[in-house]
């Protein structure tokens, strides 16, 4: 199926060249695209008669109607307003152009469906080999999956931008997973590692953010050697996406290979988390920490527990910072100036986030 954006762009460009109103109507009589919707509504009632006739084109009430066939049947009816020779030529050329686009987009549609089913692990091994050969998709190539999440109402604009960034249709594949998630299956070189994967992700975020002025989040799976393993990279990217939302929500790019301690905490059963929290909290909850204290703690960790650097960044006196840390110690029984206590606090905070996330999911 040819995307509506492509069809609309085609008829608008033809109008700019020929100065003719053009409409494209499907076999059910519904308007697909048009240069002028009001004019198109006048042309729609005659489509049924055109489809019923044996001829490829007809002149009806001063307008040229052309069938646009695919596999022997008329997929669309293209209409050009006017009954002169120029209108006929414009219609023939437009119908031929749209017809010539169909095989390319049909192949891309088939390839996109193949990649989507591959990601979702819906194909048998024999199907992967046979369909990849038919679609001319290399089996033994090193690839990595990028899961791109946008907050757009429609992701088709983001899809077209991604196709512009990665135009090689034989190596890089894009599949729309749902209303906000797009998968890029990217072929990568043997020497490429986590740094190169994240550099590609930065290119995607910079381009999409610049083009669409929307926040973009990307999760990256690990590299896999062949097509049958692509689904595992997709599962890793989904895991990275979920873990990133819990522990690193401020990051736009999260890699499965760099999840760190978040990966371990994510695997913990809830009963074990509750036992740990009861042991660590001593009656205190993270709700007891006000915004000022939370900012102080965050900056203290960002500056590697350095009091002078933290006080400077917060624009407060060193003694003020010491006072806040003492106050936190009384509340939590943990002195963040000590490495072991700082680690304990950080892990406790992460386990608390994980538990809140799980509890919100069950509601």
Protein backbone atom coordinates (compact mmCIF):
# COMPACT_ATOMS: atom_id res chain seq x y z
CA UNK A 1 0.00 0.00 0.00
CA UNK A 2 1.36 3.40 -0.99
CA UNK A 3 1.46 5.80 2.00
CA UNK A 4 -1.06 8.63 1.85
CA UNK A 5 1.75 11.18 2.24
CA UNK A 6 3.32 9.90 -0.98
CA UNK A 7 0.03 9.94 -2.90
CA UNK A 8 -0.87 13.42 -1.66
CA UNK A 9 2.57 14.74 -2.53
CA UNK A 10 2.30 13.17 -6.00
CA UNK A 11 -1.04 14.80 -6.93
CA UNK A 12 0.01 18.16 -5.49
CA UNK A 13 3.24 18.17 -7.52
CA UNK A 14 1.33 17.21 -10.64
CA UNK A 15 -1.11 20.06 -10.04
CA UNK A 16 1.75 22.55 -9.59
CA UNK A 17 3.12 21.49 -12.99
CA UNK A 18 -0.12 21.05 -14.96
CA UNK A 19 -2.50 23.40 -13.07
CA UNK A 20 -5.15 20.69 -13.16
CA UNK A 21 -7.30 19.50 -10.25
CA UNK A 22 -6.63 15.81 -9.58
CA UNK A 23 -8.38 13.30 -7.32
CA UNK A 24 -7.63 9.69 -6.46
CA UNK A 25 -10.58 7.50 -5.39
CA UNK A 26 -10.44 3.89 -4.24
CA UNK A 27 -12.50 1.00 -5.63
CA UNK A 28 -15.13 1.49 -2.91
CA UNK A 29 -15.72 5.06 -4.00
CA UNK A 30 -13.91 6.66 -1.04
CA UNK A 31 -11.72 9.67 -1.61
CA UNK A 32 -8.03 8.84 -1.02
CA UNK A 33 -6.27 12.13 -1.85
CA UNK A 34 -7.15 15.22 -3.86
CA UNK A 35 -5.81 18.64 -4.76
CA UNK A 36 -9.24 20.12 -3.94
CA UNK A 37 -11.67 18.11 -1.80
CA UNK A 38 -14.69 20.17 -2.87
CA UNK A 39 -14.00 19.41 -6.54
CA UNK A 40 -13.29 15.77 -5.71
CA UNK A 41 -16.74 15.32 -4.15
CA UNK A 42 -18.30 16.35 -7.47
CA UNK A 43 -16.29 13.63 -9.24
CA UNK A 44 -16.89 10.73 -6.80
CA UNK A 45 -20.43 9.70 -7.91
CA UNK A 46 -19.21 8.47 -11.32
CA UNK A 47 -16.47 6.14 -10.05
CA UNK A 48 -18.79 3.12 -9.85
CA UNK A 49 -19.70 3.48 -13.51
CA UNK A 50 -16.01 3.73 -14.47
CA UNK A 51 -15.17 0.55 -12.55
CA UNK A 52 -18.06 -1.31 -14.19
CA UNK A 53 -16.95 -0.37 -17.71
CA UNK A 54 -14.43 -2.52 -19.65
CA UNK A 55 -12.37 0.46 -20.81
CA UNK A 56 -9.24 1.82 -19.10
CA UNK A 57 -10.48 5.39 -19.17
CA UNK A 58 -13.66 7.38 -19.73
CA UNK A 59 -14.75 10.94 -20.32
CA UNK A 60 -17.76 11.70 -18.10
CA UNK A 61 -19.43 15.10 -17.86
CA UNK A 62 -16.31 16.95 -18.94
CA UNK A 63 -13.80 15.10 -16.73
CA UNK A 64 -11.23 12.39 -17.48
CA UNK A 65 -11.44 9.14 -15.46
CA UNK A 66 -8.60 6.57 -15.48
CA UNK A 67 -8.38 3.15 -13.86
CA UNK A 68 -5.18 2.45 -11.92
CA UNK A 69 -4.87 -1.36 -11.93
CA UNK A 70 -2.89 -3.73 -9.75
CA UNK A 71 -2.74 -7.50 -10.41
CA UNK A 72 -5.53 -7.23 -12.98
CA UNK A 73 -8.00 -5.21 -10.88
CA UNK A 74 -8.53 -1.48 -10.55
CA UNK A 75 -7.08 -0.41 -7.22
CA UNK A 76 -7.88 3.28 -7.74
CA UNK A 77 -9.66 5.61 -10.13
CA UNK A 78 -7.74 8.76 -10.96
CA UNK A 79 -9.74 11.78 -12.09
CA UNK A 80 -8.50 14.90 -13.84
CA UNK A 81 -10.82 17.87 -14.19
CA UNK A 82 -11.16 18.87 -17.84
CA UNK A 83 -12.10 17.28 -21.17
CA UNK A 84 -9.32 18.50 -23.44
CA UNK A 85 -6.29 16.65 -24.77
CA UNK A 86 -4.00 18.07 -22.08
CA UNK A 87 -6.27 16.70 -19.33
CA UNK A 88 -6.14 13.28 -21.00
CA UNK A 89 -2.33 13.31 -21.16
CA UNK A 90 -2.04 14.47 -17.55
CA UNK A 91 -4.37 11.67 -16.45
CA UNK A 92 -2.49 8.99 -18.39
CA UNK A 93 0.85 10.10 -16.97
CA UNK A 94 -0.49 10.38 -13.40
CA UNK A 95 -2.15 6.95 -13.56
CA UNK A 96 1.02 5.39 -14.98
CA UNK A 97 3.16 7.02 -12.27
CA UNK A 98 0.96 5.78 -9.41
CA UNK A 99 0.75 2.32 -10.96
CA UNK A 100 4.55 2.18 -11.19
CA UNK A 101 4.84 3.02 -7.47
CA UNK A 102 2.69 0.07 -6.41
CA UNK A 103 5.19 -2.81 -6.87
CA UNK A 104 7.92 -0.96 -4.96
CA UNK A 105 5.66 -0.18 -2.02
CA UNK A 106 4.12 -3.64 -2.10
CA UNK A 107 7.59 -5.17 -1.80
CA UNK A 108 8.42 -2.77 1.01
CA UNK A 109 5.14 -3.65 2.72
CA UNK A 110 5.98 -7.36 2.44
CA UNK A 111 9.49 -6.72 3.78
CA UNK A 112 8.16 -4.59 6.65
CA UNK A 113 5.68 -7.33 7.58
CA UNK A 114 8.48 -9.90 7.47
CA UNK A 115 10.68 -7.79 9.76
CA UNK A 116 7.81 -7.12 12.19
CA UNK A 117 6.98 -10.84 12.44
CA UNK A 118 10.67 -11.56 12.84
CA UNK A 119 10.91 -9.11 15.74
CA UNK A 120 7.84 -10.60 17.42
CA UNK A 121 9.23 -14.14 16.99
CA UNK A 122 6.21 -15.19 14.91
CA UNK A 123 8.16 -17.11 12.23
CA UNK A 124 9.45 -20.64 12.06
CA UNK A 125 13.12 -21.10 11.20
CA UNK A 126 12.28 -22.49 7.76
CA UNK A 127 10.02 -19.48 7.07
CA UNK A 128 12.80 -17.08 8.02
CA UNK A 129 15.18 -18.65 5.51
CA UNK A 130 12.65 -18.93 2.68
CA UNK A 131 11.12 -15.47 3.05
CA UNK A 132 14.46 -13.71 3.55
CA UNK A 133 15.70 -15.30 0.32
CA UNK A 134 12.57 -14.26 -1.55
CA UNK A 135 12.79 -10.68 -0.23
CA UNK A 136 16.57 -10.53 -0.82
CA UNK A 137 17.37 -9.95 2.85
CA UNK A 138 20.84 -11.15 3.86
CA UNK A 139 20.63 -13.79 6.61
CA UNK A 140 24.15 -13.81 8.04
CA UNK A 141 24.66 -10.14 8.77
CA UNK A 142 25.43 -8.53 12.13
CA UNK A 143 22.50 -6.40 13.28
CA UNK A 144 21.23 -4.48 16.30
CA UNK A 145 17.67 -3.43 17.17
CA UNK A 146 16.78 0.14 18.12
CA UNK A 147 13.38 0.68 19.77
CA UNK A 148 12.39 4.29 19.11
CA UNK A 149 9.61 5.72 21.26
CA UNK A 150 7.96 9.02 20.36
CA UNK A 151 5.10 10.98 21.88
CA UNK A 152 3.55 11.74 18.48
CA UNK A 153 -0.12 11.15 17.74
CA UNK A 154 0.94 9.68 14.40
CA UNK A 155 4.30 8.00 14.00
CA UNK A 156 4.33 7.98 10.19
CA UNK A 157 6.22 11.28 10.07
CA UNK A 158 8.91 9.80 12.29
CA UNK A 159 9.00 6.70 10.08
CA UNK A 160 9.69 8.77 6.98
CA UNK A 161 12.42 10.72 8.80
CA UNK A 162 14.02 7.43 9.84
CA UNK A 163 13.87 6.16 6.26
CA UNK A 164 15.66 9.34 5.24
CA UNK A 165 18.43 8.74 7.80
CA UNK A 166 18.82 5.08 6.81
CA UNK A 167 17.91 4.88 3.10
CA UNK A 168 19.55 1.49 2.37
CA UNK A 169 16.44 -0.74 2.13
CA UNK A 170 18.51 -3.90 1.72
CA UNK A 171 20.43 -3.45 4.98
CA UNK A 172 18.33 -1.34 7.36
CA UNK A 173 14.68 -2.12 8.13
CA UNK A 174 12.00 -0.09 9.89
CA UNK A 175 8.80 -1.51 11.40
CA UNK A 176 5.99 0.30 13.20
CA UNK A 177 5.22 -1.69 16.36
CA UNK A 178 2.38 0.38 17.84
CA UNK A 179 1.09 3.97 18.01
CA UNK A 180 4.27 5.27 19.66
CA UNK A 181 7.02 2.72 18.99
CA UNK A 182 9.12 2.16 15.88
CA UNK A 183 11.81 -0.49 15.46
CA UNK A 184 14.95 0.03 13.45
CA UNK A 185 16.87 -3.15 12.60
CA UNK A 186 20.29 -1.77 11.69
CA UNK A 187 23.10 -3.68 10.02
CA UNK A 188 26.39 -2.86 11.73
CA UNK A 189 30.06 -3.55 11.11
CA UNK A 190 31.94 -6.33 12.90
CA UNK A 191 34.12 -3.83 14.79
CA UNK A 192 31.16 -1.74 16.06
CA UNK A 193 30.37 -1.88 19.78
CA UNK A 194 28.26 -0.12 22.40
CA UNK A 195 29.87 3.29 21.74
CA UNK A 196 29.09 3.12 18.01
CA UNK A 197 25.53 1.91 18.71
CA UNK A 198 24.90 4.88 20.99
CA UNK A 199 26.38 7.28 18.43
CA UNK A 200 23.82 6.05 15.90
CA UNK A 201 21.09 6.52 18.54
CA UNK A 202 22.24 10.11 19.12
CA UNK A 203 21.96 10.77 15.40
CA UNK A 204 18.37 9.50 15.50
CA UNK A 205 17.37 11.56 18.56
CA UNK A 206 19.01 14.74 17.23
CA UNK A 207 17.35 14.38 13.81
CA UNK A 208 13.88 13.45 15.06
CA UNK A 209 13.92 16.13 17.75
CA UNK A 210 15.06 18.73 15.22
CA UNK A 211 12.51 17.70 12.60
CA UNK A 212 9.49 17.22 14.86
CA UNK A 213 10.25 19.15 18.05
CA UNK A 214 9.23 16.15 20.17
CA UNK A 215 11.07 14.17 22.82
CA UNK A 216 12.42 10.86 21.59
CA UNK A 217 13.57 7.91 23.70
CA UNK A 218 15.65 5.06 22.29
CA UNK A 219 16.41 1.63 23.75
CA UNK A 220 19.18 -0.46 22.17
CA UNK A 221 19.45 -4.25 22.13
CA UNK A 222 22.71 -6.14 21.75
CA UNK A 223 24.29 -7.13 18.43
CA UNK A 224 23.17 -10.45 16.91
CA UNK A 225 24.83 -12.48 14.12
CA UNK A 226 21.82 -13.53 11.98
CA UNK A 227 18.11 -13.05 11.28
CA UNK A 228 16.84 -15.75 13.63
CA UNK A 229 18.46 -13.90 16.55
CA UNK A 230 16.92 -10.50 15.77
CA UNK A 231 13.95 -11.21 18.05
CA UNK A 232 16.31 -11.62 21.02
CA UNK A 233 17.82 -8.19 20.34
CA UNK A 234 14.29 -6.76 20.21
CA UNK A 235 13.43 -8.36 23.57
CA UNK A 236 16.60 -6.89 25.04
CA UNK A 237 15.68 -3.45 23.69
CA UNK A 238 12.22 -3.73 25.26
CA UNK A 239 13.80 -4.74 28.57
CA UNK A 240 16.21 -1.81 28.35
CA UNK A 241 13.27 0.50 27.61
CA UNK A 242 11.40 -0.67 30.70
CA UNK A 243 14.42 -0.63 33.01
CA UNK A 244 15.34 2.82 31.70
CA UNK A 245 11.89 4.17 32.54
CA UNK A 246 12.29 2.98 36.13
CA UNK A 247 15.87 3.93 36.94
CA UNK A 248 17.07 6.37 34.27
CA UNK A 249 13.99 8.28 33.14
CA UNK A 250 16.07 11.40 32.47
CA UNK A 251 18.09 9.60 29.77
CA UNK A 252 17.01 9.63 26.13
CA UNK A 253 19.20 6.66 25.19
CA UNK A 254 19.37 3.41 27.16
CA UNK A 255 21.46 0.43 26.08
CA UNK A 256 20.83 -3.16 27.17
CA UNK A 257 24.58 -3.68 27.50
CA UNK A 258 24.86 -0.77 29.96
CA UNK A 259 21.90 -1.27 32.30
CA UNK A 260 24.20 -1.84 35.27
CA UNK A 261 22.68 -2.49 38.68
CA UNK A 262 19.21 -1.63 37.35
CA UNK A 263 19.21 -4.94 35.45
CA UNK A 264 19.82 -6.86 38.70
CA UNK A 265 17.15 -5.04 40.69
CA UNK A 266 14.64 -5.54 37.87
CA UNK A 267 15.05 -9.32 38.26
CA UNK A 268 14.28 -9.29 42.00
CA UNK A 269 10.98 -10.83 43.17
CA UNK A 270 8.68 -8.44 45.04
CA UNK A 271 8.67 -10.43 48.33
CA UNK A 272 12.48 -10.17 48.49
CA UNK A 273 12.26 -6.41 47.78
CA UNK A 274 9.80 -5.95 50.65
CA UNK A 275 12.09 -7.83 53.06
CA UNK A 276 15.04 -5.67 51.99
CA UNK A 277 13.06 -2.43 52.36
CA UNK A 278 11.79 -3.37 55.82
CA UNK A 279 15.37 -4.09 56.87
CA UNK A 280 16.74 -0.81 55.50
CA UNK A 281 14.03 1.79 56.12
CA UNK A 282 13.65 1.70 59.93
CA UNK A 283 10.28 3.40 59.76
CA UNK A 284 11.41 6.11 57.29
CA UNK A 285 9.93 6.49 53.78
CA UNK A 286 11.20 8.40 50.78
CA UNK A 287 8.13 10.61 51.04
CA UNK A 288 9.76 12.07 54.16
CA UNK A 289 12.47 13.64 51.98
CA UNK A 290 11.47 17.11 50.79
CA UNK A 291 12.41 18.60 47.41
CA UNK A 292 15.35 20.59 48.78
CA UNK A 293 16.86 17.50 50.37
CA UNK A 294 16.22 15.41 47.22
CA UNK A 295 18.09 17.96 45.06
CA UNK A 296 20.95 18.02 47.58
CA UNK A 297 21.27 14.22 47.52
CA UNK A 298 21.19 14.09 43.71
CA UNK A 299 23.93 16.73 43.42
CA UNK A 300 26.02 15.00 46.10
CA UNK A 301 25.99 11.76 44.11
CA UNK A 302 26.67 13.59 40.83
CA UNK A 303 29.80 15.10 42.41
CA UNK A 304 31.10 11.74 43.67
CA UNK A 305 30.32 12.55 47.35
CA UNK A 306 32.52 15.65 47.23
CA UNK A 307 31.22 18.22 49.74
CA UNK A 308 33.06 21.26 48.35
CA UNK A 309 31.99 20.69 44.72
CA UNK A 310 28.40 19.97 45.73
CA UNK A 311 28.13 23.09 47.91
CA UNK A 312 29.55 25.17 45.05
CA UNK A 313 27.01 23.82 42.55
CA UNK A 314 24.13 24.36 44.95
CA UNK A 315 25.36 27.89 45.79
CA UNK A 316 25.29 27.14 49.52
CA UNK A 317 27.88 27.23 52.28
CA UNK A 318 29.78 24.04 53.02
CA UNK A 319 28.40 24.02 56.56
CA UNK A 320 24.85 24.21 55.21
CA UNK A 321 25.49 21.09 53.16
CA UNK A 322 26.99 19.31 56.17
CA UNK A 323 23.89 20.27 58.18
CA UNK A 324 21.61 18.75 55.52
CA UNK A 325 23.65 15.55 55.42
CA UNK A 326 23.50 15.30 59.21
CA UNK A 327 19.74 15.81 59.06
CA UNK A 328 19.44 13.02 56.49
CA UNK A 329 21.59 10.74 58.65
CA UNK A 330 19.20 11.19 61.60
CA UNK A 331 16.28 10.36 59.32
CA UNK A 332 17.76 7.33 57.55
CA UNK A 333 20.62 6.19 59.83
CA UNK A 334 22.87 6.46 56.76
CA UNK A 335 25.79 8.89 56.43
CA UNK A 336 26.18 9.59 52.72
CA UNK A 337 29.74 10.84 53.32
CA UNK A 338 30.68 7.19 53.89
CA UNK A 339 30.97 5.08 50.76
CA UNK A 340 29.17 2.00 52.12
CA UNK A 341 26.25 4.07 53.41
CA UNK A 342 26.04 5.96 50.12
CA UNK A 343 25.86 2.67 48.19
CA UNK A 344 23.20 1.34 50.58
CA UNK A 345 21.11 4.51 50.14
CA UNK A 346 21.40 4.38 46.34
CA UNK A 347 20.35 0.73 46.14
CA UNK A 348 17.48 1.30 48.58
CA UNK A 349 16.28 4.24 46.47
CA UNK A 350 16.40 2.12 43.29
CA UNK A 351 14.55 -0.79 44.92
CA UNK A 352 11.90 1.67 46.10
CA UNK A 353 11.46 3.00 42.54
CA UNK A 354 11.18 -0.54 41.22
CA UNK A 355 8.52 -1.46 43.79
CA UNK A 356 6.50 1.67 43.02
CA UNK A 357 6.67 0.88 39.30
CA UNK A 358 5.45 -2.69 39.85
CA UNK A 359 2.66 -1.58 42.15
CA UNK A 360 1.47 1.03 39.62
CA UNK A 361 1.37 -1.67 36.93
CA UNK A 362 -0.93 -3.88 38.98
CA UNK A 363 -3.45 -1.11 39.63
